[in-house]
Amino acid sequence: MGAQNETGMQQPPAEARRHPRFELQTDIRVYSRTTGLLKGYTVDISESGISALLKLEVSVGEVVQLEFALPSGLIAIRAMVRHRTAFRYGFQFVEPDLQGVITATCSYLAALQS
């Protein structure tokens, strides 16, 4: 149950996340089966997903291929479009980070941003 605001109304509980987000601004390429190639910019990353700003629409629920640069190099990974708010999209990775590149990047960004 959430906390009460100044009017006494219940507010929803704070959003719980499996992994913290870290600011990451880089170019991203999204390959969609329905829309084709979309280009945008990332906003933040976590061990389980990434958010990005895109100019064109991609369907929520679609599995796409993402390509973006991390400090250790270019990564390509499949992700599901989990939500959309205006031009901002949230992607959840649907395959494991076998080389540990995303986990290492999040650890590096945590140290930089703390």
N, C-alpha and C. Protein backbone atom coordinates (compact mmCIF):
# COMPACT_ATOMS: atom_id res chain seq x y z
N MET A 1 0.84 -1.17 0.00
CA MET A 1 0.00 0.00 0.00
C MET A 1 0.89 1.23 0.00
N GLY A 2 0.52 2.26 -0.76
CA GLY A 2 1.35 3.45 -0.90
C GLY A 2 1.16 4.43 0.24
N ALA A 3 1.97 5.47 0.23
CA ALA A 3 1.90 6.52 1.24
C ALA A 3 0.80 7.52 0.88
N GLN A 4 0.35 8.29 1.87
CA GLN A 4 -0.66 9.31 1.61
C GLN A 4 0.02 10.61 1.23
N ASN A 5 -0.60 11.36 0.27
CA ASN A 5 -0.08 12.67 -0.06
C ASN A 5 -0.74 13.71 0.83
N GLU A 6 -0.47 15.01 0.58
CA GLU A 6 -0.99 16.07 1.45
C GLU A 6 -2.50 16.16 1.46
N THR A 7 -3.21 15.62 0.46
CA THR A 7 -4.66 15.65 0.43
C THR A 7 -5.28 14.42 1.09
N GLY A 8 -4.45 13.52 1.59
CA GLY A 8 -4.93 12.32 2.24
C GLY A 8 -5.22 11.17 1.28
N MET A 9 -5.00 11.39 -0.01
CA MET A 9 -5.23 10.36 -1.01
C MET A 9 -4.06 9.38 -1.03
N GLN A 10 -4.37 8.13 -1.31
CA GLN A 10 -3.32 7.11 -1.40
C GLN A 10 -2.55 7.28 -2.70
N GLN A 11 -1.24 7.23 -2.61
CA GLN A 11 -0.38 7.23 -3.78
C GLN A 11 0.07 5.80 -4.03
N PRO A 12 0.30 5.45 -5.29
CA PRO A 12 0.77 4.09 -5.55
C PRO A 12 2.15 3.88 -4.94
N PRO A 13 2.49 2.63 -4.60
CA PRO A 13 3.82 2.37 -4.02
C PRO A 13 4.91 2.69 -5.03
N ALA A 14 6.08 3.02 -4.52
CA ALA A 14 7.22 3.31 -5.38
C ALA A 14 7.51 2.11 -6.26
N GLU A 15 7.88 2.37 -7.50
CA GLU A 15 8.16 1.31 -8.46
C GLU A 15 9.39 0.52 -8.02
N ALA A 16 9.22 -0.78 -7.95
CA ALA A 16 10.34 -1.65 -7.57
C ALA A 16 11.02 -2.15 -8.84
N ARG A 17 12.33 -2.10 -8.85
CA ARG A 17 13.10 -2.54 -10.02
C ARG A 17 14.07 -3.63 -9.59
N ARG A 18 14.28 -4.57 -10.48
CA ARG A 18 15.25 -5.64 -10.21
C ARG A 18 16.67 -5.09 -10.20
N HIS A 19 16.96 -4.15 -11.10
CA HIS A 19 18.31 -3.60 -11.25
C HIS A 19 18.25 -2.07 -11.35
N PRO A 20 19.19 -1.38 -10.73
CA PRO A 20 19.21 0.08 -10.83
C PRO A 20 19.54 0.54 -12.25
N ARG A 21 19.06 1.72 -12.60
CA ARG A 21 19.34 2.32 -13.90
C ARG A 21 20.51 3.28 -13.80
N PHE A 22 21.24 3.38 -14.91
CA PHE A 22 22.38 4.30 -14.97
C PHE A 22 22.30 5.10 -16.26
N GLU A 23 22.56 6.38 -16.16
CA GLU A 23 22.51 7.24 -17.35
C GLU A 23 23.51 6.75 -18.39
N LEU A 24 23.03 6.65 -19.62
CA LEU A 24 23.89 6.24 -20.74
C LEU A 24 23.33 6.88 -22.00
N GLN A 25 24.09 7.78 -22.59
CA GLN A 25 23.64 8.46 -23.80
C GLN A 25 24.55 8.08 -24.95
N THR A 26 23.98 7.31 -25.87
CA THR A 26 24.71 6.85 -27.05
C THR A 26 23.70 6.57 -28.15
N ASP A 27 24.17 6.48 -29.38
CA ASP A 27 23.30 6.13 -30.50
C ASP A 27 22.83 4.68 -30.35
N ILE A 28 21.61 4.42 -30.81
CA ILE A 28 21.07 3.06 -30.81
C ILE A 28 20.38 2.81 -32.14
N ARG A 29 20.51 1.57 -32.60
CA ARG A 29 19.82 1.12 -33.81
C ARG A 29 18.86 0.01 -33.38
N VAL A 30 17.61 0.14 -33.79
CA VAL A 30 16.57 -0.83 -33.44
C VAL A 30 16.08 -1.46 -34.74
N TYR A 31 16.22 -2.77 -34.83
CA TYR A 31 15.76 -3.50 -36.01
C TYR A 31 14.43 -4.17 -35.68
N SER A 32 13.36 -3.66 -36.31
CA SER A 32 12.01 -4.15 -36.07
C SER A 32 11.51 -4.91 -37.30
N ARG A 33 10.84 -6.04 -37.09
CA ARG A 33 10.27 -6.78 -38.21
C ARG A 33 9.14 -6.01 -38.88
N THR A 34 8.44 -5.20 -38.12
CA THR A 34 7.29 -4.48 -38.67
C THR A 34 7.64 -3.08 -39.18
N THR A 35 8.60 -2.43 -38.56
CA THR A 35 8.92 -1.04 -38.90
C THR A 35 10.23 -0.89 -39.66
N GLY A 36 11.10 -1.89 -39.59
CA GLY A 36 12.41 -1.79 -40.23
C GLY A 36 13.43 -1.21 -39.27
N LEU A 37 14.39 -0.47 -39.81
CA LEU A 37 15.45 0.13 -39.00
C LEU A 37 15.00 1.45 -38.40
N LEU A 38 15.18 1.58 -37.09
CA LEU A 38 14.90 2.82 -36.38
C LEU A 38 16.18 3.27 -35.71
N LYS A 39 16.45 4.56 -35.76
CA LYS A 39 17.63 5.11 -35.09
C LYS A 39 17.17 6.04 -33.98
N GLY A 40 17.93 6.01 -32.88
CA GLY A 40 17.59 6.86 -31.74
C GLY A 40 18.77 7.06 -30.82
N TYR A 41 18.46 7.46 -29.59
CA TYR A 41 19.47 7.74 -28.56
C TYR A 41 19.05 7.08 -27.26
N THR A 42 19.99 6.44 -26.59
CA THR A 42 19.67 5.83 -25.31
C THR A 42 19.56 6.90 -24.22
N VAL A 43 18.83 6.55 -23.17
CA VAL A 43 18.65 7.44 -22.01
C VAL A 43 19.34 6.82 -20.80
N ASP A 44 19.03 5.56 -20.53
CA ASP A 44 19.65 4.87 -19.41
C ASP A 44 19.67 3.37 -19.67
N ILE A 45 20.45 2.67 -18.82
CA ILE A 45 20.63 1.23 -18.97
C ILE A 45 20.62 0.58 -17.59
N SER A 46 20.19 -0.67 -17.55
CA SER A 46 20.31 -1.50 -16.35
C SER A 46 20.75 -2.89 -16.83
N GLU A 47 20.97 -3.78 -15.91
CA GLU A 47 21.37 -5.14 -16.30
C GLU A 47 20.24 -5.88 -17.02
N SER A 48 19.00 -5.41 -16.88
CA SER A 48 17.88 -6.11 -17.50
C SER A 48 17.25 -5.37 -18.67
N GLY A 49 17.69 -4.13 -18.96
CA GLY A 49 17.08 -3.42 -20.06
C GLY A 49 17.69 -2.06 -20.32
N ILE A 50 17.11 -1.36 -21.29
CA ILE A 50 17.61 -0.06 -21.71
C ILE A 50 16.43 0.78 -22.17
N SER A 51 16.51 2.09 -22.01
CA SER A 51 15.47 2.97 -22.54
C SER A 51 16.11 3.87 -23.58
N ALA A 52 15.26 4.26 -24.56
CA ALA A 52 15.77 5.05 -25.66
C ALA A 52 14.68 5.96 -26.20
N LEU A 53 15.12 7.04 -26.83
CA LEU A 53 14.23 7.96 -27.52
C LEU A 53 14.28 7.62 -29.01
N LEU A 54 13.10 7.37 -29.58
CA LEU A 54 12.98 7.04 -31.00
C LEU A 54 12.00 7.99 -31.66
N LYS A 55 12.25 8.36 -32.90
CA LYS A 55 11.37 9.26 -33.63
C LYS A 55 10.19 8.53 -34.28
N LEU A 56 10.39 7.25 -34.60
CA LEU A 56 9.34 6.46 -35.23
C LEU A 56 8.80 5.43 -34.25
N GLU A 57 7.61 4.93 -34.52
CA GLU A 57 6.93 4.03 -33.59
C GLU A 57 7.31 2.57 -33.81
N VAL A 58 7.44 1.86 -32.70
CA VAL A 58 7.61 0.41 -32.70
C VAL A 58 6.59 -0.15 -31.70
N SER A 59 6.04 -1.30 -31.99
CA SER A 59 4.93 -1.85 -31.20
C SER A 59 5.38 -2.41 -29.86
N VAL A 60 4.64 -2.07 -28.81
CA VAL A 60 4.87 -2.65 -27.50
C VAL A 60 4.60 -4.15 -27.60
N GLY A 61 5.50 -4.96 -27.04
CA GLY A 61 5.39 -6.41 -27.09
C GLY A 61 6.24 -7.04 -28.18
N GLU A 62 6.69 -6.25 -29.13
CA GLU A 62 7.52 -6.78 -30.22
C GLU A 62 8.94 -7.07 -29.72
N VAL A 63 9.51 -8.16 -30.21
CA VAL A 63 10.91 -8.46 -29.94
C VAL A 63 11.74 -7.88 -31.08
N VAL A 64 12.74 -7.08 -30.73
CA VAL A 64 13.57 -6.37 -31.70
C VAL A 64 15.04 -6.70 -31.46
N GLN A 65 15.87 -6.36 -32.42
CA GLN A 65 17.32 -6.47 -32.28
C GLN A 65 17.85 -5.07 -32.01
N LEU A 66 18.65 -4.92 -30.95
CA LEU A 66 19.24 -3.63 -30.60
C LEU A 66 20.74 -3.67 -30.88
N GLU A 67 21.27 -2.56 -31.35
CA GLU A 67 22.71 -2.38 -31.48
C GLU A 67 23.06 -1.02 -30.90
N PHE A 68 24.03 -1.01 -29.97
CA PHE A 68 24.46 0.24 -29.36
C PHE A 68 25.88 0.08 -28.85
N ALA A 69 26.54 1.21 -28.63
CA ALA A 69 27.93 1.19 -28.18
C ALA A 69 28.00 1.30 -26.66
N LEU A 70 28.85 0.49 -26.09
CA LEU A 70 29.20 0.57 -24.67
C LEU A 70 30.68 0.92 -24.58
N PRO A 71 31.18 1.30 -23.40
CA PRO A 71 32.60 1.63 -23.29
C PRO A 71 33.53 0.52 -23.80
N SER A 72 33.08 -0.73 -23.73
CA SER A 72 33.92 -1.85 -24.18
C SER A 72 33.71 -2.21 -25.65
N GLY A 73 32.77 -1.54 -26.33
CA GLY A 73 32.55 -1.81 -27.74
C GLY A 73 31.08 -1.94 -28.10
N LEU A 74 30.83 -2.26 -29.34
CA LEU A 74 29.47 -2.40 -29.87
C LEU A 74 28.83 -3.69 -29.35
N ILE A 75 27.55 -3.61 -29.01
CA ILE A 75 26.81 -4.80 -28.56
C ILE A 75 25.56 -4.94 -29.40
N ALA A 76 25.20 -6.15 -29.68
CA ALA A 76 23.94 -6.49 -30.35
C ALA A 76 23.21 -7.49 -29.47
N ILE A 77 21.94 -7.19 -29.17
CA ILE A 77 21.18 -8.04 -28.26
C ILE A 77 19.69 -7.91 -28.58
N ARG A 78 18.96 -9.01 -28.40
CA ARG A 78 17.51 -8.97 -28.62
C ARG A 78 16.81 -8.48 -27.35
N ALA A 79 15.73 -7.71 -27.58
CA ALA A 79 14.98 -7.16 -26.45
C ALA A 79 13.51 -7.03 -26.83
N MET A 80 12.66 -7.05 -25.81
CA MET A 80 11.23 -6.83 -26.02
C MET A 80 10.88 -5.39 -25.67
N VAL A 81 10.04 -4.80 -26.49
CA VAL A 81 9.53 -3.45 -26.19
C VAL A 81 8.51 -3.62 -25.07
N ARG A 82 8.85 -3.11 -23.88
CA ARG A 82 7.98 -3.30 -22.71
C ARG A 82 6.99 -2.16 -22.50
N HIS A 83 7.42 -0.94 -22.82
CA HIS A 83 6.50 0.19 -22.66
C HIS A 83 6.92 1.35 -23.53
N ARG A 84 5.98 2.27 -23.70
CA ARG A 84 6.23 3.48 -24.49
C ARG A 84 5.54 4.64 -23.80
N THR A 85 6.26 5.75 -23.66
CA THR A 85 5.69 7.00 -23.19
C THR A 85 6.16 8.07 -24.16
N ALA A 86 5.24 8.54 -25.01
CA ALA A 86 5.55 9.50 -26.08
C ALA A 86 6.64 8.90 -26.96
N PHE A 87 7.82 9.50 -27.00
CA PHE A 87 8.91 9.01 -27.85
C PHE A 87 9.92 8.16 -27.08
N ARG A 88 9.68 7.96 -25.79
CA ARG A 88 10.60 7.16 -24.97
C ARG A 88 10.11 5.73 -24.86
N TYR A 89 11.00 4.78 -25.16
CA TYR A 89 10.68 3.36 -25.14
C TYR A 89 11.53 2.65 -24.10
N GLY A 90 10.93 1.67 -23.45
CA GLY A 90 11.65 0.81 -22.52
C GLY A 90 11.78 -0.58 -23.12
N PHE A 91 13.01 -1.09 -23.18
CA PHE A 91 13.30 -2.40 -23.75
C PHE A 91 13.82 -3.32 -22.65
N GLN A 92 13.31 -4.54 -22.61
CA GLN A 92 13.81 -5.56 -21.67
C GLN A 92 14.60 -6.58 -22.47
N PHE A 93 15.86 -6.80 -22.06
CA PHE A 93 16.69 -7.78 -22.75
C PHE A 93 16.05 -9.16 -22.60
N VAL A 94 16.01 -9.92 -23.70
CA VAL A 94 15.39 -11.25 -23.67
C VAL A 94 16.39 -12.37 -23.91
N GLU A 95 17.66 -12.02 -23.97
CA GLU A 95 18.70 -13.04 -24.05
C GLU A 95 19.79 -12.70 -23.06
N PRO A 96 20.52 -13.69 -22.60
CA PRO A 96 21.53 -13.42 -21.57
C PRO A 96 22.72 -12.62 -22.11
N ASP A 97 23.33 -11.89 -21.21
CA ASP A 97 24.55 -11.12 -21.48
C ASP A 97 25.73 -12.07 -21.28
N LEU A 98 25.94 -12.93 -22.29
CA LEU A 98 26.91 -14.02 -22.16
C LEU A 98 28.33 -13.56 -21.86
N GLN A 99 28.74 -12.45 -22.43
CA GLN A 99 30.10 -11.96 -22.20
C GLN A 99 30.19 -11.06 -20.95
N GLY A 100 29.06 -10.76 -20.34
CA GLY A 100 29.06 -9.92 -19.15
C GLY A 100 29.32 -8.46 -19.44
N VAL A 101 29.18 -8.04 -20.69
CA VAL A 101 29.48 -6.67 -21.09
C VAL A 101 28.51 -5.67 -20.46
N ILE A 102 27.23 -6.01 -20.44
CA ILE A 102 26.23 -5.10 -19.87
C ILE A 102 26.42 -5.00 -18.36
N THR A 103 26.63 -6.12 -17.70
CA THR A 103 26.87 -6.12 -16.26
C THR A 103 28.11 -5.29 -15.91
N ALA A 104 29.18 -5.48 -16.66
CA ALA A 104 30.41 -4.72 -16.42
C ALA A 104 30.19 -3.23 -16.65
N THR A 105 29.42 -2.88 -17.68
CA THR A 105 29.13 -1.47 -17.96
C THR A 105 28.32 -0.86 -16.83
N CYS A 106 27.33 -1.57 -16.33
CA CYS A 106 26.52 -1.05 -15.22
C CYS A 106 27.38 -0.85 -13.97
N SER A 107 28.28 -1.76 -13.69
CA SER A 107 29.19 -1.61 -12.54
C SER A 107 30.08 -0.38 -12.72
N TYR A 108 30.60 -0.21 -13.93
CA TYR A 108 31.44 0.95 -14.24
C TYR A 108 30.66 2.26 -14.09
N LEU A 109 29.44 2.30 -14.64
CA LEU A 109 28.61 3.51 -14.54
C LEU A 109 28.19 3.78 -13.10
N ALA A 110 27.95 2.73 -12.31
CA ALA A 110 27.59 2.91 -10.90
C ALA A 110 28.72 3.63 -10.16
N ALA A 111 29.95 3.24 -10.43
CA ALA A 111 31.10 3.88 -9.78
C ALA A 111 31.24 5.33 -10.23
N LEU A 112 31.00 5.59 -11.51
CA LEU A 112 31.12 6.96 -12.04
C LEU A 112 30.03 7.88 -11.53
N GLN A 113 28.82 7.35 -11.41
CA GLN A 113 27.66 8.17 -11.10
C GLN A 113 27.32 8.22 -9.62
N SER A 114 28.15 7.60 -8.76
CA SER A 114 27.85 7.63 -7.32
C SER A 114 28.53 8.81 -6.66
